[in-house]
Amino acid sequence: MPPDSLSDRLDNTSGAASVDKKFTARSPRVSSAVYPRSVLALLVALLAVVKPPTAYIATPTGHVPLVISSWCWDRRCGAPIAAATKTALVSRNSTAVVELRFVPTRVRLAVDGGPVTPHLAGRELTWQAGHGGGITLTAFGTRGWVTYVGRLRMRG
């Protein structure tokens, strides 16, 4: 073939002729400060979509929310490791009441590190509050389980 034949001409199938130019695939650069915030925002948005139901202790003066310590709900799990900052105040030997936002199939309750056997009726569990301390409540349901933590203090 003569040197000026079609096979010896520059290839311009990409719309531009070039000689000995290497093409590499590059991903767009993302600022190192923007990337972690973007990932965190996405994670928060996803967790907001799937979250376990809340619970609180009902007291004569109002409702004290329990903090979610860990959970697996609708095939998603989390452990925010939050501390309870509010305290429920009840009279000694009065009936303590926890109201859940779902009907559990079973519960496990501990007050001040010791097991307590509550009465479970629908979304509500009750027990005689003989002493205060930290509360750990794990509620199991058809969609998963949630562990709540809170504080109980005796009045008077």
Foldseek 3Di string as FASTA:
>chain_A
DDCPDPVNDFDCPVPDGDDPDDDDDDDDDDDPVVVVVVVVVVVVVVCVVDDAWWKWKQEPVGTQTWAWQWWQFQNDIDGPRDDADDEAEYAAQDKIKMFTPFFFPDKWKDFQRHTDDWDGDGRMTIDGRHAWHKMWMWGHHPGIIIITIYTYHHDD
